[in-house]
């Protein structure tokens, strides 16, 4: 009888060890949640911007802003939400872009510096929770 117990008692222990090894080593791991690439709410600004540039050139742009908090919902569910201070935001953007050299819009580094300046001006002159300014379409003539 003691010989049988010597063989029977280790079997449950071995099964528990194998089950634990399977659970910790062989089960597929859940993928860690990736942080969002766009953190906030993107809101396109109404209409195009037609800007007079230096040297008799002009630019046509569409823009969007990234907000840290979403704007109030529009009048209807189908209408996209608009910024409460949309006219003020458009005014600041037009003011900053008017008269600049066309190269500032077409050269990547200059454009990124210009967008940083726009963000700084918008934070100073509006109450919108803007965290980033984006040019979504651009044409310079």
C-alpha atoms as a PDB file:
ATOM      1  CA  UNK A   1       0.000   0.000   0.000  1.00  0.00           C
ATOM      2  CA  UNK A   2       2.817   2.450   0.831  1.00  0.00           C
ATOM      3  CA  UNK A   3       4.439   1.770  -2.525  1.00  0.00           C
ATOM      4  CA  UNK A   4       1.238   2.723  -4.331  1.00  0.00           C
ATOM      5  CA  UNK A   5       0.989   5.972  -2.329  1.00  0.00           C
ATOM      6  CA  UNK A   6       4.534   6.888  -3.344  1.00  0.00           C
ATOM      7  CA  UNK A   7       3.428   6.834  -6.971  1.00  0.00           C
ATOM      8  CA  UNK A   8      -0.051   8.341  -6.518  1.00  0.00           C
ATOM      9  CA  UNK A   9       0.838  11.377  -4.345  1.00  0.00           C
ATOM     10  CA  UNK A  10       3.354  12.976  -6.807  1.00  0.00           C
ATOM     11  CA  UNK A  11       0.890  12.763  -9.724  1.00  0.00           C
ATOM     12  CA  UNK A  12      -1.376  15.647  -8.520  1.00  0.00           C
ATOM     13  CA  UNK A  13       1.698  17.727  -7.684  1.00  0.00           C
ATOM     14  CA  UNK A  14       3.130  17.188 -11.161  1.00  0.00           C
ATOM     15  CA  UNK A  15      -0.250  18.059 -12.728  1.00  0.00           C
ATOM     16  CA  UNK A  16      -0.461  21.311 -10.729  1.00  0.00           C
ATOM     17  CA  UNK A  17       3.094  22.262 -11.738  1.00  0.00           C
ATOM     18  CA  UNK A  18       2.340  21.517 -15.402  1.00  0.00           C
ATOM     19  CA  UNK A  19      -0.901  23.521 -15.303  1.00  0.00           C
ATOM     20  CA  UNK A  20       0.908  26.493 -13.713  1.00  0.00           C
ATOM     21  CA  UNK A  21       3.685  26.303 -16.305  1.00  0.00           C
ATOM     22  CA  UNK A  22       1.129  26.262 -19.099  1.00  0.00           C
ATOM     23  CA  UNK A  23      -0.740  29.249 -17.677  1.00  0.00           C
ATOM     24  CA  UNK A  24       2.380  31.368 -17.193  1.00  0.00           C
ATOM     25  CA  UNK A  25       4.498  30.339 -20.145  1.00  0.00           C
ATOM     26  CA  UNK A  26       2.378  29.026 -22.971  1.00  0.00           C
ATOM     27  CA  UNK A  27      -0.888  30.989 -22.913  1.00  0.00           C
ATOM     28  CA  UNK A  28      -0.965  33.899 -25.366  1.00  0.00           C
ATOM     29  CA  UNK A  29      -0.362  37.235 -23.747  1.00  0.00           C
ATOM     30  CA  UNK A  30      -2.827  40.083 -24.202  1.00  0.00           C
ATOM     31  CA  UNK A  31      -1.378  42.938 -26.205  1.00  0.00           C
ATOM     32  CA  UNK A  32      -0.755  46.069 -24.201  1.00  0.00           C
ATOM     33  CA  UNK A  33      -3.052  48.935 -25.146  1.00  0.00           C
ATOM     34  CA  UNK A  34      -1.194  51.366 -27.379  1.00  0.00           C
ATOM     35  CA  UNK A  35      -1.598  55.051 -26.629  1.00  0.00           C
ATOM     36  CA  UNK A  36      -3.559  56.945 -29.276  1.00  0.00           C
ATOM     37  CA  UNK A  37      -1.503  58.679 -31.928  1.00  0.00           C
ATOM     38  CA  UNK A  38      -3.891  61.619 -31.965  1.00  0.00           C
ATOM     39  CA  UNK A  39      -4.670  62.527 -28.379  1.00  0.00           C
ATOM     40  CA  UNK A  40      -7.656  64.876 -28.326  1.00  0.00           C
ATOM     41  CA  UNK A  41     -10.462  65.943 -30.642  1.00  0.00           C
ATOM     42  CA  UNK A  42      -9.750  67.055 -34.211  1.00  0.00           C
ATOM     43  CA  UNK A  43     -12.010  69.857 -35.400  1.00  0.00           C
ATOM     44  CA  UNK A  44     -11.808  71.138 -38.976  1.00  0.00           C
ATOM     45  CA  UNK A  45     -12.130  74.897 -39.302  1.00  0.00           C
ATOM     46  CA  UNK A  46     -15.037  76.091 -41.398  1.00  0.00           C
ATOM     47  CA  UNK A  47     -14.259  76.963 -45.006  1.00  0.00           C
ATOM     48  CA  UNK A  48     -11.011  77.525 -46.863  1.00  0.00           C
ATOM     49  CA  UNK A  49      -8.453  80.222 -46.154  1.00  0.00           C
ATOM     50  CA  UNK A  50      -7.430  82.350 -49.149  1.00  0.00           C
ATOM     51  CA  UNK A  51      -4.305  84.213 -48.024  1.00  0.00           C
ATOM     52  CA  UNK A  52      -2.418  87.015 -49.809  1.00  0.00           C
ATOM     53  CA  UNK A  53       1.271  86.153 -49.656  1.00  0.00           C
ATOM     54  CA  UNK A  54       4.389  88.207 -50.361  1.00  0.00           C
ATOM     55  CA  UNK A  55       5.410  88.901 -53.945  1.00  0.00           C
ATOM     56  CA  UNK A  56       1.876  88.875 -55.372  1.00  0.00           C
ATOM     57  CA  UNK A  57       1.353  85.193 -54.543  1.00  0.00           C
ATOM     58  CA  UNK A  58      -1.590  83.689 -52.741  1.00  0.00           C
ATOM     59  CA  UNK A  59      -2.272  80.509 -50.836  1.00  0.00           C
ATOM     60  CA  UNK A  60      -5.367  78.408 -50.349  1.00  0.00           C
ATOM     61  CA  UNK A  61      -5.478  76.325 -47.178  1.00  0.00           C
ATOM     62  CA  UNK A  62      -7.845  74.205 -45.171  1.00  0.00           C
ATOM     63  CA  UNK A  63      -6.998  73.799 -41.534  1.00  0.00           C
ATOM     64  CA  UNK A  64      -7.947  71.853 -38.441  1.00  0.00           C
ATOM     65  CA  UNK A  65      -7.116  72.166 -34.769  1.00  0.00           C
ATOM     66  CA  UNK A  66      -6.559  69.515 -32.125  1.00  0.00           C
ATOM     67  CA  UNK A  67      -8.409  70.273 -28.907  1.00  0.00           C
ATOM     68  CA  UNK A  68      -7.657  68.888 -25.460  1.00  0.00           C
ATOM     69  CA  UNK A  69     -11.410  68.863 -24.702  1.00  0.00           C
ATOM     70  CA  UNK A  70     -14.165  68.324 -27.276  1.00  0.00           C
ATOM     71  CA  UNK A  71     -16.269  71.334 -28.304  1.00  0.00           C
ATOM     72  CA  UNK A  72     -19.969  71.515 -27.555  1.00  0.00           C
ATOM     73  CA  UNK A  73     -22.105  69.430 -29.903  1.00  0.00           C
ATOM     74  CA  UNK A  74     -23.604  71.107 -32.973  1.00  0.00           C
ATOM     75  CA  UNK A  75     -27.258  72.009 -33.387  1.00  0.00           C
ATOM     76  CA  UNK A  76     -28.027  68.645 -34.953  1.00  0.00           C
ATOM     77  CA  UNK A  77     -26.400  65.261 -34.551  1.00  0.00           C
ATOM     78  CA  UNK A  78     -25.464  65.215 -38.257  1.00  0.00           C
ATOM     79  CA  UNK A  79     -23.714  68.602 -38.142  1.00  0.00           C
ATOM     80  CA  UNK A  80     -20.089  68.499 -37.029  1.00  0.00           C
ATOM     81  CA  UNK A  81     -19.189  70.352 -33.866  1.00  0.00           C
ATOM     82  CA  UNK A  82     -17.758  73.810 -34.462  1.00  0.00           C
ATOM     83  CA  UNK A  83     -15.554  75.941 -32.285  1.00  0.00           C
ATOM     84  CA  UNK A  84     -17.435  78.574 -30.289  1.00  0.00           C
ATOM     85  CA  UNK A  85     -14.662  81.047 -31.147  1.00  0.00           C
ATOM     86  CA  UNK A  86     -14.296  79.956 -34.793  1.00  0.00           C
ATOM     87  CA  UNK A  87     -14.352  83.527 -36.183  1.00  0.00           C
ATOM     88  CA  UNK A  88     -11.646  84.625 -33.718  1.00  0.00           C
ATOM     89  CA  UNK A  89      -9.516  81.567 -34.566  1.00  0.00           C
ATOM     90  CA  UNK A  90      -9.906  82.276 -38.294  1.00  0.00           C
ATOM     91  CA  UNK A  91      -8.953  85.911 -37.723  1.00  0.00           C
ATOM     92  CA  UNK A  92      -5.745  84.997 -35.887  1.00  0.00           C
ATOM     93  CA  UNK A  93      -4.753  82.500 -38.581  1.00  0.00           C
ATOM     94  CA  UNK A  94      -5.438  85.001 -41.388  1.00  0.00           C
ATOM     95  CA  UNK A  95      -3.518  87.703 -39.515  1.00  0.00           C
ATOM     96  CA  UNK A  96      -0.440  85.512 -38.986  1.00  0.00           C
ATOM     97  CA  UNK A  97      -0.347  84.096 -42.534  1.00  0.00           C
ATOM     98  CA  UNK A  98      -1.049  87.267 -44.534  1.00  0.00           C
ATOM     99  CA  UNK A  99       2.056  88.665 -46.248  1.00  0.00           C
ATOM    100  CA  UNK A 100       4.440  85.804 -45.452  1.00  0.00           C
ATOM    101  CA  UNK A 101       6.854  84.470 -48.034  1.00  0.00           C
ATOM    102  CA  UNK A 102       5.362  81.536 -50.012  1.00  0.00           C
ATOM    103  CA  UNK A 103       8.416  79.434 -49.104  1.00  0.00           C
ATOM    104  CA  UNK A 104       7.341  79.502 -45.456  1.00  0.00           C
ATOM    105  CA  UNK A 105       4.314  77.432 -46.431  1.00  0.00           C
ATOM    106  CA  UNK A 106       5.962  75.130 -48.953  1.00  0.00           C
ATOM    107  CA  UNK A 107       9.167  74.257 -47.068  1.00  0.00           C
ATOM    108  CA  UNK A 108       8.535  71.688 -44.344  1.00  0.00           C
ATOM    109  CA  UNK A 109      10.756  73.134 -41.576  1.00  0.00           C
ATOM    110  CA  UNK A 110       9.473  76.662 -42.138  1.00  0.00           C
ATOM    111  CA  UNK A 111       5.872  75.415 -42.181  1.00  0.00           C
ATOM    112  CA  UNK A 112       6.330  73.586 -38.861  1.00  0.00           C
ATOM    113  CA  UNK A 113       7.835  76.721 -37.290  1.00  0.00           C
ATOM    114  CA  UNK A 114       4.913  78.727 -38.668  1.00  0.00           C
ATOM    115  CA  UNK A 115       2.423  76.260 -37.142  1.00  0.00           C
ATOM    116  CA  UNK A 116       4.155  76.607 -33.759  1.00  0.00           C
ATOM    117  CA  UNK A 117       3.844  80.394 -34.024  1.00  0.00           C
ATOM    118  CA  UNK A 118       0.156  80.008 -34.939  1.00  0.00           C
ATOM    119  CA  UNK A 119      -0.411  77.790 -31.901  1.00  0.00           C
ATOM    120  CA  UNK A 120       1.270  80.306 -29.615  1.00  0.00           C
ATOM    121  CA  UNK A 121      -0.824  83.169 -31.060  1.00  0.00           C
ATOM    122  CA  UNK A 122      -4.065  81.174 -30.759  1.00  0.00           C
ATOM    123  CA  UNK A 123      -3.339  80.357 -27.122  1.00  0.00           C
ATOM    124  CA  UNK A 124      -2.683  84.049 -26.401  1.00  0.00           C
ATOM    125  CA  UNK A 125      -5.648  85.484 -28.278  1.00  0.00           C
ATOM    126  CA  UNK A 126      -8.435  82.879 -27.830  1.00  0.00           C
ATOM    127  CA  UNK A 127      -9.859  80.743 -25.056  1.00  0.00           C
ATOM    128  CA  UNK A 128     -10.072  77.567 -27.133  1.00  0.00           C
ATOM    129  CA  UNK A 129      -8.214  74.539 -25.659  1.00  0.00           C
ATOM    130  CA  UNK A 130      -6.055  74.129 -28.793  1.00  0.00           C
ATOM    131  CA  UNK A 131      -3.032  71.834 -28.495  1.00  0.00           C
ATOM    132  CA  UNK A 132      -2.020  71.644 -32.162  1.00  0.00           C
ATOM    133  CA  UNK A 133      -2.703  73.407 -35.479  1.00  0.00           C
ATOM    134  CA  UNK A 134      -2.813  71.359 -38.678  1.00  0.00           C
ATOM    135  CA  UNK A 135      -2.803  72.339 -42.342  1.00  0.00           C
ATOM    136  CA  UNK A 136      -4.916  69.690 -44.029  1.00  0.00           C
ATOM    137  CA  UNK A 137      -4.734  71.031 -47.620  1.00  0.00           C
ATOM    138  CA  UNK A 138      -2.362  73.547 -49.135  1.00  0.00           C
ATOM    139  CA  UNK A 139      -1.942  75.199 -52.529  1.00  0.00           C
ATOM    140  CA  UNK A 140       0.375  78.140 -53.229  1.00  0.00           C
ATOM    141  CA  UNK A 141       0.314  80.089 -56.493  1.00  0.00           C
END
